[in-house]
Every structure is written in structure tokens, then in C-alpha cells.
C-alpha atoms as a PDB file:
ATOM      1  CA  MET A   1      95.992 -16.686 -16.604  1.00  0.00           C
ATOM      2  CA  ASP A   2      97.890 -16.622 -13.507  1.00  0.00           C
ATOM      3  CA  VAL A   3      99.453 -20.087 -12.997  1.00  0.00           C
ATOM      4  CA  VAL A   4      99.213 -21.373  -9.819  1.00  0.00           C
ATOM      5  CA  LYS A   5     102.791 -20.669  -7.176  1.00  0.00           C
ATOM      6  CA  PRO A   6     103.240 -23.159  -4.464  1.00  0.00           C
ATOM      7  CA  GLY A   7     104.018 -19.470  -3.131  1.00  0.00           C
ATOM      8  CA  ILE A   8     101.727 -17.180  -1.241  1.00  0.00           C
ATOM      9  CA  SER A   9      98.743 -17.926  -1.193  1.00  0.00           C
ATOM     10  CA  LEU A  10      96.532 -21.050   0.680  1.00  0.00           C
ATOM     11  CA  LEU A  11      97.246 -22.901  -2.453  1.00  0.00           C
ATOM     12  CA  CYS A  12     100.559 -23.193  -0.906  1.00  0.00           C
ATOM     13  CA  PHE A  13     100.531 -23.411   2.354  1.00  0.00           C
ATOM     14  CA  LEU A  14     100.331 -26.695   3.060  1.00  0.00           C
ATOM     15  CA  VAL A  15     103.812 -26.706   1.071  1.00  0.00           C
ATOM     16  CA  LEU A  16     105.748 -24.755   3.325  1.00  0.00           C
ATOM     17  CA  LEU A  17     103.980 -23.674   6.930  1.00  0.00           C
ATOM     18  CA  ALA A  18     106.377 -22.305   8.615  1.00  0.00           C
ATOM     19  CA  ASN A  19     108.568 -20.897   6.088  1.00  0.00           C
ATOM     20  CA  GLY A  20     106.908 -20.522   2.618  1.00  0.00           C
ATOM     21  CA  CYS A  21     107.583 -22.065  -0.778  1.00  0.00           C
ATOM     22  CA  ASP A  22     110.185 -23.405  -2.496  1.00  0.00           C
ATOM     23  CA  SER A  23     111.652 -20.481  -4.464  1.00  0.00           C
ATOM     24  CA  LYS A  24     112.829 -22.121  -7.382  1.00  0.00           C
ATOM     25  CA  SER A  25     109.157 -23.259  -8.131  1.00  0.00           C
ATOM     26  CA  ALA A  26     107.474 -20.183  -7.425  1.00  0.00           C
ATOM     27  CA  GLU A  27     110.339 -18.213  -9.807  1.00  0.00           C
ATOM     28  CA  THR A  28     109.822 -21.298 -12.565  1.00  0.00           C
ATOM     29  CA  ALA A  29     106.079 -20.462 -12.285  1.00  0.00           C
ATOM     30  CA  THR A  30     106.616 -16.489 -12.301  1.00  0.00           C
ATOM     31  CA  GLN A  31     108.234 -17.285 -15.310  1.00  0.00           C
ATOM     32  CA  THR A  32     105.741 -18.880 -17.153  1.00  0.00           C
ATOM     33  CA  ASN A  33     102.898 -16.810 -16.033  1.00  0.00           C
ATOM     34  CA  ALA A  34     100.593 -17.595 -19.286  1.00  0.00           C
ATOM     35  CA  PRO A  35      97.642 -19.722 -17.291  1.00  0.00           C
ATOM     36  CA  ARG A  36      99.158 -22.734 -15.659  1.00  0.00           C
ATOM     37  CA  THR A  37      95.800 -24.206 -16.164  1.00  0.00           C
ATOM     38  CA  PRO A  38      94.653 -26.884 -18.968  1.00  0.00           C
ATOM     39  CA  SER A  39      94.396 -24.632 -21.817  1.00  0.00           C
ATOM     40  CA  ALA A  40      93.539 -28.291 -23.512  1.00  0.00           C
ATOM     41  CA  SER A  41      90.203 -27.850 -23.221  1.00  0.00           C
ATOM     42  CA  ALA A  42      87.521 -29.409 -22.096  1.00  0.00           C
ATOM     43  CA  SER A  43      86.888 -31.576 -25.476  1.00  0.00           C
ATOM     44  CA  ASN A  44      90.644 -32.816 -24.496  1.00  0.00           C
ATOM     45  CA  THR A  45      89.673 -34.039 -21.383  1.00  0.00           C
ATOM     46  CA  ALA A  46      86.434 -35.882 -22.852  1.00  0.00           C
ATOM     47  CA  ASN A  47      88.908 -37.796 -24.908  1.00  0.00           C
ATOM     48  CA  VAL A  48      91.965 -37.730 -22.581  1.00  0.00           C
ATOM     49  CA  ASN A  49      93.162 -41.803 -22.757  1.00  0.00           C
ATOM     50  CA  SER A  50      95.264 -41.792 -19.344  1.00  0.00           C
ATOM     51  CA  ALA A  51      98.331 -43.766 -19.935  1.00  0.00           C
ATOM     52  CA  ALA A  52      98.582 -47.563 -18.139  1.00  0.00           C
ATOM     53  CA  SER A  53     100.248 -46.567 -14.681  1.00  0.00           C
ATOM     54  CA  PRO A  54     104.145 -46.917 -15.213  1.00  0.00           C
ATOM     55  CA  ALA A  55     105.955 -49.380 -12.352  1.00  0.00           C
ATOM     56  CA  PRO A  56     106.959 -47.179  -9.629  1.00  0.00           C
ATOM     57  CA  PRO A  57     110.944 -46.260 -10.114  1.00  0.00           C
ATOM     58  CA  ALA A  58     113.694 -48.708  -8.842  1.00  0.00           C
ATOM     59  CA  ASN A  59     115.095 -46.535  -6.137  1.00  0.00           C
ATOM     60  CA  LEU A  60     111.633 -45.071  -5.023  1.00  0.00           C
ATOM     61  CA  GLU A  61     111.657 -47.382  -2.020  1.00  0.00           C
ATOM     62  CA  ALA A  62     114.983 -46.827  -0.798  1.00  0.00           C
ATOM     63  CA  ASN A  63     114.092 -43.538  -1.180  1.00  0.00           C
ATOM     64  CA  LEU A  64     111.479 -43.889   1.021  1.00  0.00           C
ATOM     65  CA  LYS A  65     113.168 -45.559   3.610  1.00  0.00           C
ATOM     66  CA  SER A  66     115.636 -43.071   4.104  1.00  0.00           C
ATOM     67  CA  GLY A  67     116.143 -40.529   6.428  1.00  0.00           C
ATOM     68  CA  ALA A  68     115.541 -37.707   4.402  1.00  0.00           C
ATOM     69  CA  GLY A  69     111.846 -39.347   3.551  1.00  0.00           C
ATOM     70  CA  PHE A  70     112.726 -37.565  -0.316  1.00  0.00           C
ATOM     71  CA  VAL A  71     111.589 -39.229  -3.797  1.00  0.00           C
ATOM     72  CA  ASP A  72     112.313 -38.576  -7.053  1.00  0.00           C
ATOM     73  CA  ALA A  73     109.169 -36.805  -8.002  1.00  0.00           C
ATOM     74  CA  CYS A  74     109.592 -35.936 -11.627  1.00  0.00           C
ATOM     75  CA  ALA A  75     109.526 -40.192 -11.490  1.00  0.00           C
ATOM     76  CA  LEU A  76     105.530 -40.009 -10.237  1.00  0.00           C
ATOM     77  CA  ILE A  77     103.909 -38.721 -12.990  1.00  0.00           C
ATOM     78  CA  GLU A  78     105.144 -39.719 -17.085  1.00  0.00           C
ATOM     79  CA  LYS A  79     105.590 -36.679 -19.357  1.00  0.00           C
ATOM     80  CA  SER A  80     103.107 -39.382 -21.267  1.00  0.00           C
ATOM     81  CA  GLU A  81     100.057 -38.350 -19.125  1.00  0.00           C
ATOM     82  CA  ILE A  82     100.454 -35.408 -18.836  1.00  0.00           C
ATOM     83  CA  ALA A  83     100.909 -34.606 -22.319  1.00  0.00           C
ATOM     84  CA  SER A  84      97.534 -36.349 -23.264  1.00  0.00           C
ATOM     85  CA  LEU A  85      95.952 -34.331 -20.300  1.00  0.00           C
ATOM     86  CA  GLN A  86      97.142 -30.869 -21.624  1.00  0.00           C
ATOM     87  CA  GLY A  87      97.410 -31.869 -25.154  1.00  0.00           C
ATOM     88  CA  ALA A  88     101.100 -30.507 -25.611  1.00  0.00           C
ATOM     89  CA  GLN A  89     104.284 -32.462 -25.170  1.00  0.00           C
ATOM     90  CA  VAL A  90     106.529 -31.968 -21.988  1.00  0.00           C
ATOM     91  CA  GLN A  91     109.003 -30.402 -22.813  1.00  0.00           C
ATOM     92  CA  SER A  92     111.561 -29.865 -19.766  1.00  0.00           C
ATOM     93  CA  VAL A  93     111.235 -31.149 -16.177  1.00  0.00           C
ATOM     94  CA  THR A  94     113.004 -29.512 -13.259  1.00  0.00           C
ATOM     95  CA  PRO A  95     112.962 -31.332  -9.587  1.00  0.00           C
ATOM     96  CA  SER A  96     114.044 -30.061  -6.737  1.00  0.00           C
ATOM     97  CA  THR A  97     113.729 -31.502  -2.814  1.00  0.00           C
ATOM     98  CA  GLN A  98     114.226 -29.731   0.997  1.00  0.00           C
ATOM     99  CA  MET A  99     113.338 -30.440   4.593  1.00  0.00           C
ATOM    100  CA  ASN A 100     111.235 -28.205   6.363  1.00  0.00           C
ATOM    101  CA  GLY A 101     111.432 -28.796  10.275  1.00  0.00           C
ATOM    102  CA  ALA A 102     110.600 -32.900   9.973  1.00  0.00           C
ATOM    103  CA  LEU A 103     109.106 -32.397   6.377  1.00  0.00           C
ATOM    104  CA  ALA A 104     110.856 -33.754   3.199  1.00  0.00           C
ATOM    105  CA  ILE A 105     109.781 -31.861  -0.161  1.00  0.00           C
ATOM    106  CA  SER A 106     109.951 -33.086  -2.917  1.00  0.00           C
ATOM    107  CA  GLN A 107     108.918 -31.514  -6.277  1.00  0.00           C
ATOM    108  CA  CYS A 108     108.681 -31.695  -9.533  1.00  0.00           C
ATOM    109  CA  TYR A 109     107.680 -29.233 -12.593  1.00  0.00           C
ATOM    110  CA  TYR A 110     106.809 -29.843 -15.945  1.00  0.00           C
ATOM    111  CA  THR A 111     107.482 -27.954 -18.435  1.00  0.00           C
ATOM    112  CA  VAL A 112     103.920 -27.930 -20.970  1.00  0.00           C
ATOM    113  CA  ALA A 113     103.413 -24.695 -23.617  1.00  0.00           C
ATOM    114  CA  SER A 114     100.391 -25.012 -26.004  1.00  0.00           C
ATOM    115  CA  THR A 115     101.967 -24.819 -29.424  1.00  0.00           C
ATOM    116  CA  ASP A 116     101.621 -21.252 -30.455  1.00  0.00           C
ATOM    117  CA  GLY A 117     103.183 -20.954 -27.036  1.00  0.00           C
ATOM    118  CA  SER A 118      99.995 -18.457 -26.041  1.00  0.00           C
ATOM    119  CA  ASP A 119      99.446 -21.005 -23.517  1.00  0.00           C
ATOM    120  CA  ASN A 120     101.023 -22.219 -20.503  1.00  0.00           C
ATOM    121  CA  LEU A 121     100.025 -25.711 -19.492  1.00  0.00           C
ATOM    122  CA  SER A 122     102.663 -26.341 -17.089  1.00  0.00           C
ATOM    123  CA  VAL A 123     102.386 -28.778 -14.434  1.00  0.00           C
ATOM    124  CA  HIS A 124     104.077 -28.757 -10.710  1.00  0.00           C
ATOM    125  CA  LEU A 125     103.659 -31.719  -8.531  1.00  0.00           C
ATOM    126  CA  GLU A 126     104.584 -31.409  -4.144  1.00  0.00           C
ATOM    127  CA  VAL A 127     104.917 -34.749  -2.374  1.00  0.00           C
ATOM    128  CA  ILE A 128     105.361 -34.299   1.315  1.00  0.00           C
ATOM    129  CA  GLN A 129     106.044 -36.776   4.069  1.00  0.00           C
ATOM    130  CA  PRO A 130     107.558 -36.947   7.271  1.00  0.00           C
ATOM    131  CA  ASP A 131     111.172 -37.452   8.458  1.00  0.00           C
ATOM    132  CA  HIS A 132     111.380 -41.372  10.230  1.00  0.00           C
ATOM    133  CA  ALA A 133     111.764 -39.292  13.114  1.00  0.00           C
ATOM    134  CA  SER A 134     108.384 -37.920  13.532  1.00  0.00           C
ATOM    135  CA  PRO A 135     106.814 -40.351  11.984  1.00  0.00           C
ATOM    136  CA  ASN A 136     103.248 -38.146  12.814  1.00  0.00           C
ATOM    137  CA  ALA A 137     104.316 -34.643  11.074  1.00  0.00           C
ATOM    138  CA  VAL A 138     102.506 -34.687   8.223  1.00  0.00           C
ATOM    139  CA  LYS A 139      99.059 -35.233   9.867  1.00  0.00           C
ATOM    140  CA  GLU A 140      99.653 -32.488  12.143  1.00  0.00           C
ATOM    141  CA  HIS A 141     100.546 -30.216   9.265  1.00  0.00           C
ATOM    142  CA  TRP A 142      97.759 -31.515   7.359  1.00  0.00           C
ATOM    143  CA  GLU A 143      95.264 -31.153  10.591  1.00  0.00           C
ATOM    144  CA  ARG A 144      96.499 -26.940  11.164  1.00  0.00           C
ATOM    145  CA  ALA A 145      95.520 -26.641   7.126  1.00  0.00           C
ATOM    146  CA  PHE A 146      92.673 -28.022   6.753  1.00  0.00           C
ATOM    147  CA  GLY A 147      91.052 -28.490  10.565  1.00  0.00           C
ATOM    148  CA  ASP A 148      89.296 -25.021   9.725  1.00  0.00           C
ATOM    149  CA  LYS A 149      87.995 -25.798   6.572  1.00  0.00           C
ATOM    150  CA  GLU A 150      86.466 -22.467   6.646  1.00  0.00           C
ATOM    151  CA  GLY A 151      90.072 -21.217   6.384  1.00  0.00           C
ATOM    152  CA  LYS A 152      89.631 -18.860   9.615  1.00  0.00           C
ATOM    153  CA  GLY A 153      93.426 -17.664  10.792  1.00  0.00           C
ATOM    154  CA  GLU A 154      94.614 -17.712   7.073  1.00  0.00           C
ATOM    155  CA  LYS A 155      95.788 -15.085   6.066  1.00  0.00           C
ATOM    156  CA  GLU A 156      93.778 -11.788   4.223  1.00  0.00           C
ATOM    157  CA  ALA A 157      95.510 -12.445   1.329  1.00  0.00           C
ATOM    158  CA  GLU A 158      94.917 -16.153   1.221  1.00  0.00           C
ATOM    159  CA  LYS A 159      91.399 -16.188   1.951  1.00  0.00           C
ATOM    160  CA  GLU A 160      91.257 -14.531  -1.936  1.00  0.00           C
ATOM    161  CA  SER A 161      91.321 -18.094  -2.963  1.00  0.00           C
ATOM    162  CA  GLY A 162      88.587 -19.187  -0.918  1.00  0.00           C
ATOM    163  CA  PRO A 163      87.919 -21.667   1.493  1.00  0.00           C
ATOM    164  CA  PRO A 164      88.914 -25.772   0.792  1.00  0.00           C
ATOM    165  CA  ARG A 165      86.220 -27.659  -1.233  1.00  0.00           C
ATOM    166  CA  THR A 166      86.347 -31.381   0.399  1.00  0.00           C
ATOM    167  CA  VAL A 167      87.099 -33.494  -2.907  1.00  0.00           C
ATOM    168  CA  ARG A 168      85.304 -37.153  -2.447  1.00  0.00           C
ATOM    169  CA  GLY A 169      87.414 -40.451  -3.672  1.00  0.00           C
ATOM    170  CA  VAL A 170      90.728 -39.562  -3.809  1.00  0.00           C
ATOM    171  CA  GLY A 171      93.215 -40.720  -0.871  1.00  0.00           C
ATOM    172  CA  GLU A 172      91.806 -40.586   2.572  1.00  0.00           C
ATOM    173  CA  GLU A 173      91.280 -36.928   2.540  1.00  0.00           C
ATOM    174  CA  ALA A 174      91.260 -34.111  -1.098  1.00  0.00           C
ATOM    175  CA  PHE A 175      90.510 -30.737  -1.161  1.00  0.00           C
ATOM    176  CA  TRP A 176      90.423 -28.153  -3.646  1.00  0.00           C
ATOM    177  CA  VAL A 177      91.739 -24.858  -2.972  1.00  0.00           C
ATOM    178  CA  GLY A 178      91.546 -22.291  -5.867  1.00  0.00           C
ATOM    179  CA  ASN A 179      88.869 -19.631  -7.359  1.00  0.00           C
ATOM    180  CA  ALA A 180      88.098 -19.107 -11.110  1.00  0.00           C
ATOM    181  CA  LYS A 181      91.308 -18.417 -12.665  1.00  0.00           C
ATOM    182  CA  VAL A 182      93.824 -21.220 -10.235  1.00  0.00           C
ATOM    183  CA  GLY A 183      93.390 -24.660  -8.027  1.00  0.00           C
ATOM    184  CA  ALA A 184      95.060 -26.616  -6.614  1.00  0.00           C
ATOM    185  CA  LEU A 185      94.536 -30.358  -5.530  1.00  0.00           C
ATOM    186  CA  TYR A 186      95.999 -31.752  -2.082  1.00  0.00           C
ATOM    187  CA  ALA A 187      95.242 -35.451  -1.066  1.00  0.00           C
ATOM    188  CA  LEU A 188      96.329 -37.207   2.424  1.00  0.00           C
ATOM    189  CA  LYS A 189      96.991 -41.100   2.029  1.00  0.00           C
ATOM    190  CA  LYS A 190      98.735 -43.357   3.982  1.00  0.00           C
ATOM    191  CA  GLY A 191     101.399 -39.852   6.284  1.00  0.00           C
ATOM    192  CA  LYS A 192     101.491 -38.183   2.343  1.00  0.00           C
ATOM    193  CA  LEU A 193     100.460 -35.611   1.021  1.00  0.00           C
ATOM    194  CA  VAL A 194     100.563 -34.951  -3.027  1.00  0.00           C
ATOM    195  CA  ARG A 195      99.758 -31.135  -4.268  1.00  0.00           C
ATOM    196  CA  VAL A 196      99.295 -31.426  -8.165  1.00  0.00           C
ATOM    197  CA  SER A 197      98.283 -28.039  -9.725  1.00  0.00           C
ATOM    198  CA  VAL A 198      97.914 -28.069 -13.819  1.00  0.00           C
ATOM    199  CA  GLY A 199      98.149 -24.826 -15.990  1.00  0.00           C
ATOM    200  CA  GLY A 200      95.735 -23.944 -18.645  1.00  0.00           C
ATOM    201  CA  SER A 201      92.751 -22.113 -19.656  1.00  0.00           C
ATOM    202  CA  ASP A 202      90.410 -24.925 -18.223  1.00  0.00           C
ATOM    203  CA  ASP A 203      87.423 -23.891 -15.975  1.00  0.00           C
ATOM    204  CA  PRO A 204      87.581 -25.018 -12.605  1.00  0.00           C
ATOM    205  CA  LYS A 205      85.445 -27.776 -13.303  1.00  0.00           C
ATOM    206  CA  THR A 206      87.696 -29.232 -15.912  1.00  0.00           C
ATOM    207  CA  LYS A 207      90.723 -28.747 -13.639  1.00  0.00           C
ATOM    208  CA  LEU A 208      89.376 -30.477 -10.896  1.00  0.00           C
ATOM    209  CA  GLU A 209      89.124 -33.071 -12.983  1.00  0.00           C
ATOM    210  CA  LYS A 210      92.794 -33.281 -14.573  1.00  0.00           C
ATOM    211  CA  SER A 211      93.947 -33.113 -10.616  1.00  0.00           C
ATOM    212  CA  LYS A 212      92.260 -35.774  -9.731  1.00  0.00           C
ATOM    213  CA  LYS A 213      94.029 -38.185 -12.154  1.00  0.00           C
ATOM    214  CA  LEU A 214      97.431 -36.831 -11.933  1.00  0.00           C
ATOM    215  CA  VAL A 215      97.234 -37.178  -8.567  1.00  0.00           C
ATOM    216  CA  ALA A 216      95.780 -40.974  -8.100  1.00  0.00           C
ATOM    217  CA  SER A 217      98.626 -41.721 -10.244  1.00  0.00           C
ATOM    218  CA  VAL A 218     100.401 -40.763  -7.890  1.00  0.00           C
ATOM    219  CA  LEU A 219      99.152 -42.403  -4.821  1.00  0.00           C
ATOM    220  CA  LYS A 220      99.075 -45.009  -6.269  1.00  0.00           C
ATOM    221  CA  ARG A 221     102.766 -45.776  -7.244  1.00  0.00           C
ATOM    222  CA  LEU A 222     103.624 -44.279  -3.515  1.00  0.00           C
ATOM    223  CA  ALA A 223     101.957 -47.084  -2.472  1.00  0.00           C
END
């Protein structure tokens, strides 16, 4: 099953509305082209016992106050949390950062695979924040992306994912974007945008529930 890529489709438009998604993350996702949606089946999800939220990293507040606005995205989700959700250990984490206009984009790709290597269970996290000169940049970015929930005006290729679906109880506002194979959860809170996609072969409902758990952890640590 294909992996959710931070690239060409609607699943990615939030990441780089003007310039496209981070090439490194897209390349990484392509290389691990087994399902990047939770392959720890629904039964695993039912038995998930999420790890307690760790304290924010010591340098998080300083990074948030920096002009660039970058954070250590890989410190916002514990590897043990992902292992609990996906039923397999995290093999590696790959951070990256970049600026897209007034948007500071921090990313982390958690490489995870099933025991036999047949299922790609990797998790991709993106945190988007504004630079200090444009405090409303993320909100404006969000409105351009989700102001039209029917997807009108998006590229034809992006429409294949279907219109965004509102998700209640996550941040100030959240949307699930995807189809039967891939999906990603986008959430907005206090001027910060968080995107999470998980790999594997689970059904969309299970993928969404796993994504909600991870996004909730990230938002709590960013608060």
C-alpha cells in the first residue's frame, strides 16, 4: 500500500503551498513505498496503551522563540509511543527543516517496518509555525488550504484524495485528508499547524484514530 507523501497531492498542500513539499521527506517516503499507514491492525489499535507524555525537550521553548521558529520535531513524539501504536520498533528518525516564505517547517520521519519487513509502518510528522515578522502566516495558510472544504480550485490530481473531512476534538480545528489507502491528519492550534500521517495497511478509521493520538501528544508538548 502506498505511503502518504508530503508531496504533490492534497495531503501535502499544507506543507509547501507555494514551493511543494520537502524533497527529502518525499524521497524517503518513496523509498519506503510499502503501506505507510498503520499495519498494526485494528486489534493492535484496540490494545494500544499510549505512553505518558514526556516533558518537552529543554531547548523547545528557546527554539519556539527563535526568529526561524524551528523546533526539534523528532522530540515531539516518543519512539515508544510509535512502537506502541504500530506494533514495531522505530528503526531510525530523520529530522529536517526549511523555510517557505514566512512559514518555518520542521519535519521528522520515523522509519518503522513490520517484523518480516513486508509492511511499511513509518510515521511522518510536520510542524509549521510562522516567523515572528508574520504572526498570522499559518492561519492565513490554513484558510487558503481549508477555507474551501470541498477542494474547489485544487489541482485535479489533488482532488483524487477527496474533500477534507472535519475531525472534532483535536486542536482548534482539524481535518482528515485521504482515501481508502492513504491519509493524513492536519490540526491547527495557537498559530501552529501539525500534520501526521502513519503507514500500514489499516482501514481509514484506524489510521485516523492513531493519527489523533499522535497529534494530541504533539499539541500538548507544543503548548
